[in-house]
PDB file of N, CA and C in Angstrom:
ATOM      1  N   MET A   1       0.902  -1.175  -0.006  1.00  0.00           N
ATOM      2  CA  MET A   1       0.030  -0.027  -0.213  1.00  0.00           C
ATOM      3  C   MET A   1       1.036   1.419  -0.138  1.00  0.00           C
ATOM      4  N   ARG A   2       0.736   2.225  -0.807  1.00  0.00           N
ATOM      5  CA  ARG A   2       1.520   3.289  -0.828  1.00  0.00           C
ATOM      6  C   ARG A   2       0.751   4.555  -0.320  1.00  0.00           C
ATOM      7  N   LEU A   3       1.916   5.698   0.475  1.00  0.00           N
ATOM      8  CA  LEU A   3       1.563   6.216   1.504  1.00  0.00           C
ATOM      9  C   LEU A   3       1.389   7.849   0.631  1.00  0.00           C
ATOM     10  N   CYS A   4       0.355   8.385   1.130  1.00  0.00           N
ATOM     11  CA  CYS A   4       0.286   9.875   0.237  1.00  0.00           C
ATOM     12  C   CYS A   4       1.116  10.702   0.541  1.00  0.00           C
ATOM     13  N   ILE A   5       1.514  11.365  -0.261  1.00  0.00           N
ATOM     14  CA  ILE A   5       2.214  12.570   0.219  1.00  0.00           C
ATOM     15  C   ILE A   5       1.463  13.381   0.629  1.00  0.00           C
ATOM     16  N   PRO A   6       2.223  14.194   1.920  1.00  0.00           N
ATOM     17  CA  PRO A   6       1.377  15.184   2.862  1.00  0.00           C
ATOM     18  C   PRO A   6       1.375  16.305   1.871  1.00  0.00           C
ATOM     19  N   PRO A   7       0.340  17.245   1.972  1.00  0.00           N
ATOM     20  CA  PRO A   7      -0.010  18.378   1.427  1.00  0.00           C
ATOM     21  C   PRO A   7       1.268  19.556   1.547  1.00  0.00           C
ATOM     22  N   MET A   8       1.697  19.493   2.614  1.00  0.00           N
ATOM     23  CA  MET A   8       2.906  20.252   3.354  1.00  0.00           C
ATOM     24  C   MET A   8       4.143  19.914   2.313  1.00  0.00           C
ATOM     25  N   GLU A   9       4.188  18.854   2.577  1.00  0.00           N
ATOM     26  CA  GLU A   9       5.306  18.403   1.617  1.00  0.00           C
ATOM     27  C   GLU A   9       5.313  18.720   0.129  1.00  0.00           C
ATOM     28  N   MET A  10       4.105  18.537  -0.288  1.00  0.00           N
ATOM     29  CA  MET A  10       4.165  18.957  -1.959  1.00  0.00           C
ATOM     30  C   MET A  10       4.242  20.540  -1.797  1.00  0.00           C
ATOM     31  N   LEU A  11       3.896  21.129  -1.166  1.00  0.00           N
ATOM     32  CA  LEU A  11       3.957  22.874  -1.140  1.00  0.00           C
ATOM     33  C   LEU A  11       5.395  22.966  -0.925  1.00  0.00           C
ATOM     34  N   ALA A  12       6.097  22.405  -0.142  1.00  0.00           N
ATOM     35  CA  ALA A  12       7.636  22.246   0.413  1.00  0.00           C
ATOM     36  C   ALA A  12       8.673  22.258  -0.895  1.00  0.00           C
ATOM     37  N   VAL A  13       8.059  21.079  -1.771  1.00  0.00           N
ATOM     38  CA  VAL A  13       8.720  21.094  -2.914  1.00  0.00           C
ATOM     39  C   VAL A  13       8.722  21.767  -4.028  1.00  0.00           C
ATOM     40  N   THR A  14       7.329  22.117  -4.304  1.00  0.00           N
ATOM     41  CA  THR A  14       6.753  23.503  -5.179  1.00  0.00           C
ATOM     42  C   THR A  14       7.666  24.843  -4.470  1.00  0.00           C
ATOM     43  N   LEU A  15       7.761  24.906  -3.764  1.00  0.00           N
ATOM     44  CA  LEU A  15       8.436  26.366  -3.204  1.00  0.00           C
ATOM     45  C   LEU A  15       9.817  26.144  -3.539  1.00  0.00           C
ATOM     46  N   ARG A  16      10.410  25.117  -3.054  1.00  0.00           N
ATOM     47  CA  ARG A  16      11.947  24.750  -3.482  1.00  0.00           C
ATOM     48  C   ARG A  16      12.268  24.801  -4.708  1.00  0.00           C
ATOM     49  N   TYR A  17      11.468  24.537  -5.565  1.00  0.00           N
ATOM     50  CA  TYR A  17      11.679  24.305  -7.045  1.00  0.00           C
ATOM     51  C   TYR A  17      11.380  25.500  -7.260  1.00  0.00           C
ATOM     52  N   LEU A  18      10.352  26.307  -6.882  1.00  0.00           N
ATOM     53  CA  LEU A  18      10.372  27.840  -7.727  1.00  0.00           C
ATOM     54  C   LEU A  18      11.518  28.774  -6.907  1.00  0.00           C
ATOM     55  N   GLY A  19      11.812  28.468  -5.887  1.00  0.00           N
ATOM     56  CA  GLY A  19      12.758  29.551  -5.300  1.00  0.00           C
ATOM     57  C   GLY A  19      14.147  29.428  -5.528  1.00  0.00           C
ATOM     58  N   SER A  20      14.535  28.205  -5.672  1.00  0.00           N
ATOM     59  CA  SER A  20      16.007  27.966  -5.906  1.00  0.00           C
ATOM     60  C   SER A  20      16.013  27.628  -7.652  1.00  0.00           C
ATOM     61  N   GLU A  21      17.461  27.113  -7.608  1.00  0.00           N
ATOM     62  CA  GLU A  21      18.338  26.559  -8.874  1.00  0.00           C
ATOM     63  C   GLU A  21      17.850  25.226  -9.440  1.00  0.00           C
ATOM     64  N   CYS A  22      17.806  24.672  -8.134  1.00  0.00           N
ATOM     65  CA  CYS A  22      17.292  23.247  -8.151  1.00  0.00           C
ATOM     66  C   CYS A  22      16.384  22.380  -9.239  1.00  0.00           C
ATOM     67  N   ASP A  23      16.782  21.339  -9.982  1.00  0.00           N
ATOM     68  CA  ASP A  23      15.913  20.588 -10.914  1.00  0.00           C
ATOM     69  C   ASP A  23      15.081  19.615 -10.032  1.00  0.00           C
ATOM     70  N   GLN A  24      14.637  18.803 -11.322  1.00  0.00           N
ATOM     71  CA  GLN A  24      13.464  17.939 -10.648  1.00  0.00           C
ATOM     72  C   GLN A  24      14.049  16.806  -9.985  1.00  0.00           C
ATOM     73  N   VAL A  25      15.518  16.354 -10.679  1.00  0.00           N
ATOM     74  CA  VAL A  25      16.201  15.327 -10.422  1.00  0.00           C
ATOM     75  C   VAL A  25      16.951  15.666  -8.688  1.00  0.00           C
ATOM     76  N   ASP A  26      16.859  16.947  -8.559  1.00  0.00           N
ATOM     77  CA  ASP A  26      17.702  17.173  -7.314  1.00  0.00           C
ATOM     78  C   ASP A  26      16.554  17.160  -6.235  1.00  0.00           C
ATOM     79  N   LEU A  27      15.134  17.449  -6.290  1.00  0.00           N
ATOM     80  CA  LEU A  27      14.086  17.431  -5.635  1.00  0.00           C
ATOM     81  C   LEU A  27      13.848  15.653  -5.387  1.00  0.00           C
ATOM     82  N   HIS A  28      13.993  14.906  -6.509  1.00  0.00           N
ATOM     83  CA  HIS A  28      13.771  13.397  -6.197  1.00  0.00           C
ATOM     84  C   HIS A  28      14.739  12.854  -5.276  1.00  0.00           C
ATOM     85  N   LEU A  29      15.829  13.513  -5.510  1.00  0.00           N
ATOM     86  CA  LEU A  29      16.925  13.001  -4.586  1.00  0.00           C
ATOM     87  C   LEU A  29      16.763  13.763  -2.801  1.00  0.00           C
ATOM     88  N   SER A  30      16.546  14.848  -2.983  1.00  0.00           N
ATOM     89  CA  SER A  30      16.053  15.322  -1.580  1.00  0.00           C
ATOM     90  C   SER A  30      15.180  14.573  -0.759  1.00  0.00           C
ATOM     91  N   TYR A  31      13.949  14.423  -1.532  1.00  0.00           N
ATOM     92  CA  TYR A  31      12.540  14.269  -0.941  1.00  0.00           C
ATOM     93  C   TYR A  31      12.712  13.090  -0.758  1.00  0.00           C
ATOM     94  N   LYS A  32      13.091  12.264  -1.691  1.00  0.00           N
ATOM     95  CA  LYS A  32      13.032  10.435  -1.821  1.00  0.00           C
ATOM     96  C   LYS A  32      11.559  10.584  -2.522  1.00  0.00           C
ATOM     97  N   ILE A  33      11.163  11.147  -3.719  1.00  0.00           N
ATOM     98  CA  ILE A  33      10.094  11.130  -4.408  1.00  0.00           C
ATOM     99  C   ILE A  33      10.145  10.773  -5.853  1.00  0.00           C
ATOM    100  N   GLY A  34       9.344   9.858  -6.299  1.00  0.00           N
ATOM    101  CA  GLY A  34       9.838   9.888  -7.555  1.00  0.00           C
ATOM    102  C   GLY A  34       9.640  10.960  -8.317  1.00  0.00           C
ATOM    103  N   HIS A  35      10.434  11.135  -9.430  1.00  0.00           N
ATOM    104  CA  HIS A  35      10.997  12.034 -10.677  1.00  0.00           C
ATOM    105  C   HIS A  35       9.407  12.632 -11.295  1.00  0.00           C
ATOM    106  N   THR A  36       8.919  11.359 -11.916  1.00  0.00           N
ATOM    107  CA  THR A  36       7.638  11.511 -12.243  1.00  0.00           C
ATOM    108  C   THR A  36       6.224  12.192 -11.675  1.00  0.00           C
ATOM    109  N   THR A  37       6.614  11.620 -10.026  1.00  0.00           N
ATOM    110  CA  THR A  37       5.627  12.207  -9.100  1.00  0.00           C
ATOM    111  C   THR A  37       6.128  13.910  -8.975  1.00  0.00           C
ATOM    112  N   ILE A  38       7.138  13.805  -8.790  1.00  0.00           N
ATOM    113  CA  ILE A  38       7.671  15.530  -8.839  1.00  0.00           C
ATOM    114  C   ILE A  38       7.071  16.332  -9.596  1.00  0.00           C
ATOM    115  N   GLY A  39       7.217  15.707 -11.015  1.00  0.00           N
ATOM    116  CA  GLY A  39       6.587  16.722 -12.111  1.00  0.00           C
ATOM    117  C   GLY A  39       5.153  16.777 -12.029  1.00  0.00           C
ATOM    118  N   LYS A  40       4.312  15.658 -11.554  1.00  0.00           N
ATOM    119  CA  LYS A  40       2.934  15.670 -11.299  1.00  0.00           C
ATOM    120  C   LYS A  40       2.787  17.038 -10.299  1.00  0.00           C
ATOM    121  N   ILE A  41       3.245  16.867  -9.111  1.00  0.00           N
ATOM    122  CA  ILE A  41       3.150  17.810  -7.989  1.00  0.00           C
ATOM    123  C   ILE A  41       3.229  19.316  -8.452  1.00  0.00           C
ATOM    124  N   LEU A  42       4.516  19.517  -9.228  1.00  0.00           N
ATOM    125  CA  LEU A  42       4.795  20.651  -9.368  1.00  0.00           C
ATOM    126  C   LEU A  42       3.751  21.203 -10.573  1.00  0.00           C
ATOM    127  N   ARG A  43       3.357  20.604 -11.436  1.00  0.00           N
ATOM    128  CA  ARG A  43       2.142  21.010 -12.421  1.00  0.00           C
ATOM    129  C   ARG A  43       0.878  21.057 -11.428  1.00  0.00           C
ATOM    130  N   LYS A  44       0.554  20.292 -10.731  1.00  0.00           N
ATOM    131  CA  LYS A  44      -0.552  20.525 -10.087  1.00  0.00           C
ATOM    132  C   LYS A  44      -0.876  22.022  -9.148  1.00  0.00           C
ATOM    133  N   LEU A  45       0.348  21.857  -8.566  1.00  0.00           N
ATOM    134  CA  LEU A  45       0.468  23.097  -7.476  1.00  0.00           C
ATOM    135  C   LEU A  45       0.852  24.564  -8.480  1.00  0.00           C
ATOM    136  N   CYS A  46       1.118  24.535  -9.244  1.00  0.00           N
ATOM    137  CA  CYS A  46       1.684  25.795 -10.101  1.00  0.00           C
ATOM    138  C   CYS A  46       0.260  26.248 -10.930  1.00  0.00           C
ATOM    139  N   ILE A  47      -0.198  25.231 -11.447  1.00  0.00           N
ATOM    140  CA  ILE A  47      -1.584  25.539 -12.208  1.00  0.00           C
ATOM    141  C   ILE A  47      -2.847  26.241 -11.082  1.00  0.00           C
ATOM    142  N   THR A  48      -2.727  25.666  -9.705  1.00  0.00           N
ATOM    143  CA  THR A  48      -3.537  25.705  -8.559  1.00  0.00           C
ATOM    144  C   THR A  48      -3.094  27.383  -7.985  1.00  0.00           C
ATOM    145  N   ILE A  49      -1.804  27.776  -8.450  1.00  0.00           N
ATOM    146  CA  ILE A  49      -1.380  28.903  -7.633  1.00  0.00           C
ATOM    147  C   ILE A  49      -1.830  30.036  -8.636  1.00  0.00           C
ATOM    148  N   TRP A  50      -1.271  30.000 -10.033  1.00  0.00           N
ATOM    149  CA  TRP A  50      -1.715  30.530 -10.935  1.00  0.00           C
ATOM    150  C   TRP A  50      -3.341  30.673 -11.003  1.00  0.00           C
ATOM    151  N   GLU A  51      -4.485  29.900 -11.020  1.00  0.00           N
ATOM    152  CA  GLU A  51      -5.639  30.024 -11.070  1.00  0.00           C
ATOM    153  C   GLU A  51      -6.109  30.992  -9.759  1.00  0.00           C
ATOM    154  N   LEU A  52      -5.514  30.921  -8.357  1.00  0.00           N
ATOM    155  CA  LEU A  52      -5.535  31.484  -7.517  1.00  0.00           C
ATOM    156  C   LEU A  52      -5.408  33.048  -7.593  1.00  0.00           C
ATOM    157  N   ARG A  53      -4.487  33.102  -8.254  1.00  0.00           N
ATOM    158  CA  ARG A  53      -3.896  34.554  -8.715  1.00  0.00           C
ATOM    159  C   ARG A  53      -4.738  35.309  -9.567  1.00  0.00           C
ATOM    160  N   TRP A  54      -5.235  34.739 -10.411  1.00  0.00           N
ATOM    161  CA  TRP A  54      -6.277  35.098 -11.433  1.00  0.00           C
ATOM    162  C   TRP A  54      -7.495  35.878 -10.645  1.00  0.00           C
ATOM    163  N   ILE A  55      -7.770  34.503  -9.877  1.00  0.00           N
ATOM    164  CA  ILE A  55      -9.244  35.067  -9.008  1.00  0.00           C
ATOM    165  C   ILE A  55      -8.701  36.494  -8.116  1.00  0.00           C
ATOM    166  N   GLU A  56      -7.620  36.014  -7.462  1.00  0.00           N
ATOM    167  CA  GLU A  56      -7.390  37.518  -6.881  1.00  0.00           C
ATOM    168  C   GLU A  56      -7.495  39.011  -7.811  1.00  0.00           C
ATOM    169  N   ILE A  57      -6.940  38.879  -9.242  1.00  0.00           N
ATOM    170  CA  ILE A  57      -7.046  39.749  -9.715  1.00  0.00           C
ATOM    171  C   ILE A  57      -8.338  40.263 -10.341  1.00  0.00           C
ATOM    172  N   SER A  58      -9.153  39.218 -10.517  1.00  0.00           N
ATOM    173  CA  SER A  58     -10.614  39.382 -10.868  1.00  0.00           C
ATOM    174  C   SER A  58     -11.534  40.514  -9.792  1.00  0.00           C
ATOM    175  N   ARG A  59     -11.448  40.021  -8.453  1.00  0.00           N
ATOM    176  CA  ARG A  59     -11.734  40.565  -7.614  1.00  0.00           C
ATOM    177  C   ARG A  59     -11.427  41.892  -7.164  1.00  0.00           C
ATOM    178  N   GLY A  60     -10.001  42.018  -7.575  1.00  0.00           N
ATOM    179  CA  GLY A  60      -9.693  43.569  -7.395  1.00  0.00           C
ATOM    180  C   GLY A  60     -10.547  44.529  -8.372  1.00  0.00           C
ATOM    181  N   TYR A  61     -10.650  44.182  -9.440  1.00  0.00           N
ATOM    182  CA  TYR A  61     -11.249  44.832 -10.229  1.00  0.00           C
ATOM    183  C   TYR A  61     -12.665  44.958 -10.122  1.00  0.00           C
ATOM    184  N   GLN A  62     -13.121  43.922  -9.510  1.00  0.00           N
ATOM    185  CA  GLN A  62     -14.538  44.164  -9.005  1.00  0.00           C
ATOM    186  C   GLN A  62     -14.805  45.060  -8.067  1.00  0.00           C
ATOM    187  N   LYS A  63     -13.902  44.888  -7.181  1.00  0.00           N
ATOM    188  CA  LYS A  63     -14.100  45.854  -6.022  1.00  0.00           C
ATOM    189  C   LYS A  63     -13.580  47.035  -5.906  1.00  0.00           C
ATOM    190  N   TYR A  64     -12.585  47.461  -6.901  1.00  0.00           N
ATOM    191  CA  TYR A  64     -12.548  49.093  -7.038  1.00  0.00           C
ATOM    192  C   TYR A  64     -12.756  49.612  -8.601  1.00  0.00           C
ATOM    193  N   ALA A  65     -12.975  49.064  -9.250  1.00  0.00           N
ATOM    194  CA  ALA A  65     -13.442  49.506 -10.629  1.00  0.00           C
ATOM    195  C   ALA A  65     -15.029  48.997 -11.182  1.00  0.00           C
ATOM    196  N   LEU A  66     -15.650  48.238 -10.157  1.00  0.00           N
ATOM    197  CA  LEU A  66     -16.784  47.710 -10.648  1.00  0.00           C
ATOM    198  C   LEU A  66     -16.957  46.892 -11.501  1.00  0.00           C
ATOM    199  N   LEU A  67     -15.701  46.293 -12.127  1.00  0.00           N
ATOM    200  CA  LEU A  67     -16.118  45.686 -13.320  1.00  0.00           C
ATOM    201  C   LEU A  67     -16.187  44.215 -13.440  1.00  0.00           C
ATOM    202  N   LEU A  68     -17.224  43.557 -13.327  1.00  0.00           N
ATOM    203  CA  LEU A  68     -17.322  41.829 -13.172  1.00  0.00           C
ATOM    204  C   LEU A  68     -16.481  41.156 -14.506  1.00  0.00           C
ATOM    205  N   LYS A  69     -16.002  39.966 -13.784  1.00  0.00           N
ATOM    206  CA  LYS A  69     -15.371  39.075 -14.439  1.00  0.00           C
ATOM    207  C   LYS A  69     -14.253  39.800 -15.561  1.00  0.00           C
ATOM    208  N   CYS A  70     -13.419  40.810 -14.900  1.00  0.00           N
ATOM    209  CA  CYS A  70     -12.479  41.466 -15.700  1.00  0.00           C
ATOM    210  C   CYS A  70     -11.192  40.685 -15.223  1.00  0.00           C
ATOM    211  N   LEU A  71     -10.177  40.382 -16.180  1.00  0.00           N
ATOM    212  CA  LEU A  71      -8.992  39.783 -15.655  1.00  0.00           C
ATOM    213  C   LEU A  71      -7.492  40.874 -15.945  1.00  0.00           C
ATOM    214  N   GLY A  72      -7.994  42.015 -16.741  1.00  0.00           N
ATOM    215  CA  GLY A  72      -6.887  42.869 -17.223  1.00  0.00           C
ATOM    216  C   GLY A  72      -7.501  44.237 -18.022  1.00  0.00           C
ATOM    217  N   ALA A  73      -6.421  45.055 -18.018  1.00  0.00           N
ATOM    218  CA  ALA A  73      -6.615  46.050 -18.869  1.00  0.00           C
ATOM    219  C   ALA A  73      -5.661  46.181 -19.799  1.00  0.00           C
ATOM    220  N   ILE A  74      -5.828  46.789 -20.957  1.00  0.00           N
ATOM    221  CA  ILE A  74      -4.953  47.728 -22.132  1.00  0.00           C
ATOM    222  C   ILE A  74      -4.665  49.000 -21.768  1.00  0.00           C
ATOM    223  N   ASP A  75      -3.340  49.028 -21.482  1.00  0.00           N
ATOM    224  CA  ASP A  75      -2.829  50.451 -21.200  1.00  0.00           C
ATOM    225  C   ASP A  75      -1.844  51.084 -21.816  1.00  0.00           C
ATOM    226  N   GLY A  76      -1.819  52.275 -22.456  1.00  0.00           N
ATOM    227  CA  GLY A  76      -0.701  52.782 -23.131  1.00  0.00           C
ATOM    228  C   GLY A  76      -0.657  52.780 -24.364  1.00  0.00           C
ATOM    229  N   GLU A  77      -1.816  52.554 -25.185  1.00  0.00           N
ATOM    230  CA  GLU A  77      -1.869  52.858 -26.813  1.00  0.00           C
ATOM    231  C   GLU A  77      -2.053  54.316 -27.192  1.00  0.00           C
ATOM    232  N   HIS A  78      -1.075  54.795 -27.756  1.00  0.00           N
ATOM    233  CA  HIS A  78      -0.705  56.030 -28.266  1.00  0.00           C
ATOM    234  C   HIS A  78      -1.660  55.893 -29.446  1.00  0.00           C
ATOM    235  N   VAL A  79      -2.603  56.958 -29.779  1.00  0.00           N
ATOM    236  CA  VAL A  79      -3.561  57.405 -30.671  1.00  0.00           C
ATOM    237  C   VAL A  79      -2.826  58.817 -31.202  1.00  0.00           C
ATOM    238  N   ARG A  80      -2.163  58.458 -32.611  1.00  0.00           N
ATOM    239  CA  ARG A  80      -1.741  60.287 -33.127  1.00  0.00           C
ATOM    240  C   ARG A  80      -2.646  61.024 -33.338  1.00  0.00           C
ATOM    241  N   ILE A  81      -2.744  62.006 -32.951  1.00  0.00           N
ATOM    242  CA  ILE A  81      -3.576  63.320 -33.164  1.00  0.00           C
ATOM    243  C   ILE A  81      -2.626  64.563 -33.883  1.00  0.00           C
ATOM    244  N   ARG A  82      -3.796  65.673 -34.378  1.00  0.00           N
ATOM    245  CA  ARG A  82      -3.006  66.891 -34.907  1.00  0.00           C
ATOM    246  C   ARG A  82      -2.807  67.450 -33.976  1.00  0.00           C
ATOM    247  N   LYS A  83      -1.453  68.792 -34.007  1.00  0.00           N
ATOM    248  CA  LYS A  83      -1.446  69.778 -33.051  1.00  0.00           C
ATOM    249  C   LYS A  83      -2.641  70.481 -32.507  1.00  0.00           C
ATOM    250  N   GLN A  84      -3.168  70.631 -31.346  1.00  0.00           N
ATOM    251  CA  GLN A  84      -4.148  71.321 -31.071  1.00  0.00           C
ATOM    252  C   GLN A  84      -3.746  72.666 -30.567  1.00  0.00           C
ATOM    253  N   ASN A  85      -4.398  73.783 -31.141  1.00  0.00           N
ATOM    254  CA  ASN A  85      -3.957  75.258 -30.887  1.00  0.00           C
ATOM    255  C   ASN A  85      -3.646  75.470 -29.465  1.00  0.00           C
ATOM    256  N   LYS A  86      -2.974  76.446 -29.252  1.00  0.00           N
ATOM    257  CA  LYS A  86      -2.604  76.569 -27.760  1.00  0.00           C
ATOM    258  C   LYS A  86      -2.495  75.641 -26.893  1.00  0.00           C
ATOM    259  N   ASN A  87      -2.068  74.443 -27.528  1.00  0.00           N
ATOM    260  CA  ASN A  87      -1.581  73.362 -26.281  1.00  0.00           C
ATOM    261  C   ASN A  87      -0.202  73.478 -26.323  1.00  0.00           C
ATOM    262  N   GLY A  88       0.465  73.684 -26.728  1.00  0.00           N
ATOM    263  CA  GLY A  88       2.266  73.641 -26.824  1.00  0.00           C
ATOM    264  C   GLY A  88       2.474  72.578 -26.735  1.00  0.00           C
ATOM    265  N   SER A  89       3.104  71.670 -26.011  1.00  0.00           N
ATOM    266  CA  SER A  89       3.707  70.457 -26.057  1.00  0.00           C
ATOM    267  C   SER A  89       2.935  69.578 -24.909  1.00  0.00           C
ATOM    268  N   LEU A  90       1.714  70.031 -24.515  1.00  0.00           N
ATOM    269  CA  LEU A  90       0.876  68.846 -23.767  1.00  0.00           C
ATOM    270  C   LEU A  90       0.587  67.717 -24.186  1.00  0.00           C
ATOM    271  N   PHE A  91       0.259  67.307 -25.474  1.00  0.00           N
ATOM    272  CA  PHE A  91       0.022  65.996 -26.151  1.00  0.00           C
ATOM    273  C   PHE A  91       1.424  65.414 -27.001  1.00  0.00           C
ATOM    274  N   TYR A  92       2.250  66.239 -26.788  1.00  0.00           N
ATOM    275  CA  TYR A  92       3.434  65.674 -27.593  1.00  0.00           C
ATOM    276  C   TYR A  92       4.180  64.470 -26.755  1.00  0.00           C
ATOM    277  N   ASN A  93       4.578  63.641 -27.442  1.00  0.00           N
ATOM    278  CA  ASN A  93       5.057  62.365 -26.853  1.00  0.00           C
ATOM    279  C   ASN A  93       6.876  62.287 -27.166  1.00  0.00           C
ATOM    280  N   TYR A  94       7.038  60.985 -26.253  1.00  0.00           N
ATOM    281  CA  TYR A  94       8.644  60.877 -26.394  1.00  0.00           C
ATOM    282  C   TYR A  94       8.600  60.079 -28.175  1.00  0.00           C
ATOM    283  N   ASN A  95       7.705  59.610 -28.856  1.00  0.00           N
ATOM    284  CA  ASN A  95       7.886  59.053 -29.953  1.00  0.00           C
ATOM    285  C   ASN A  95       7.810  60.068 -31.022  1.00  0.00           C
ATOM    286  N   ASN A  96       8.024  61.620 -30.565  1.00  0.00           N
ATOM    287  CA  ASN A  96       8.264  62.946 -31.447  1.00  0.00           C
ATOM    288  C   ASN A  96       7.024  63.162 -32.447  1.00  0.00           C
ATOM    289  N   PHE A  97       5.627  62.454 -32.088  1.00  0.00           N
ATOM    290  CA  PHE A  97       4.548  63.059 -32.478  1.00  0.00           C
ATOM    291  C   PHE A  97       3.312  63.618 -31.692  1.00  0.00           C
ATOM    292  N   PHE A  98       2.294  63.914 -31.698  1.00  0.00           N
ATOM    293  CA  PHE A  98       1.187  64.673 -30.793  1.00  0.00           C
ATOM    294  C   PHE A  98       0.280  63.300 -30.519  1.00  0.00           C
ATOM    295  N   SER A  99      -0.193  62.722 -29.404  1.00  0.00           N
ATOM    296  CA  SER A  99      -0.937  61.636 -29.388  1.00  0.00           C
ATOM    297  C   SER A  99      -1.797  61.904 -28.032  1.00  0.00           C
ATOM    298  N   LEU A 100      -2.878  61.043 -27.946  1.00  0.00           N
ATOM    299  CA  LEU A 100      -3.583  60.413 -26.868  1.00  0.00           C
ATOM    300  C   LEU A 100      -2.977  59.282 -26.417  1.00  0.00           C
ATOM    301  N   VAL A 101      -3.229  59.007 -24.810  1.00  0.00           N
ATOM    302  CA  VAL A 101      -2.895  57.956 -24.906  1.00  0.00           C
ATOM    303  C   VAL A 101      -4.323  57.040 -24.469  1.00  0.00           C
ATOM    304  N   GLY A 102      -4.724  55.903 -25.046  1.00  0.00           N
ATOM    305  CA  GLY A 102      -5.999  55.107 -25.113  1.00  0.00           C
ATOM    306  C   GLY A 102      -5.453  54.075 -23.710  1.00  0.00           C
ATOM    307  N   ARG A 103      -6.630  54.316 -23.048  1.00  0.00           N
ATOM    308  CA  ARG A 103      -6.817  53.359 -21.942  1.00  0.00           C
ATOM    309  C   ARG A 103      -8.078  52.588 -21.945  1.00  0.00           C
ATOM    310  N   GLY A 104      -8.118  51.476 -21.523  1.00  0.00           N
ATOM    311  CA  GLY A 104      -9.153  50.421 -21.720  1.00  0.00           C
ATOM    312  C   GLY A 104      -9.606  49.413 -20.734  1.00  0.00           C
TER     313      GLY A 104
END
């Protein structure tokens, strides 16, 4: 009968992999867990961490911008315009033309 790998040990393996330059073979030798099992643990936990991060981002948009099911925003798209009268260099950008910055 095989014993289950405790969740804390799975987390320790994943954090060590993400936080150091060791590879899966080093983890296999350090934790005495099969190298294919190490790969499965890393995939499972990294996907879980990634999904939790996206949920956190979505909740931030919902809380602060009242946008439901939003995962990101486009920022910084320059739209070229003609120089407006009496604006001087107000809309002049580093690309050497006049523009408005589109935010969405």
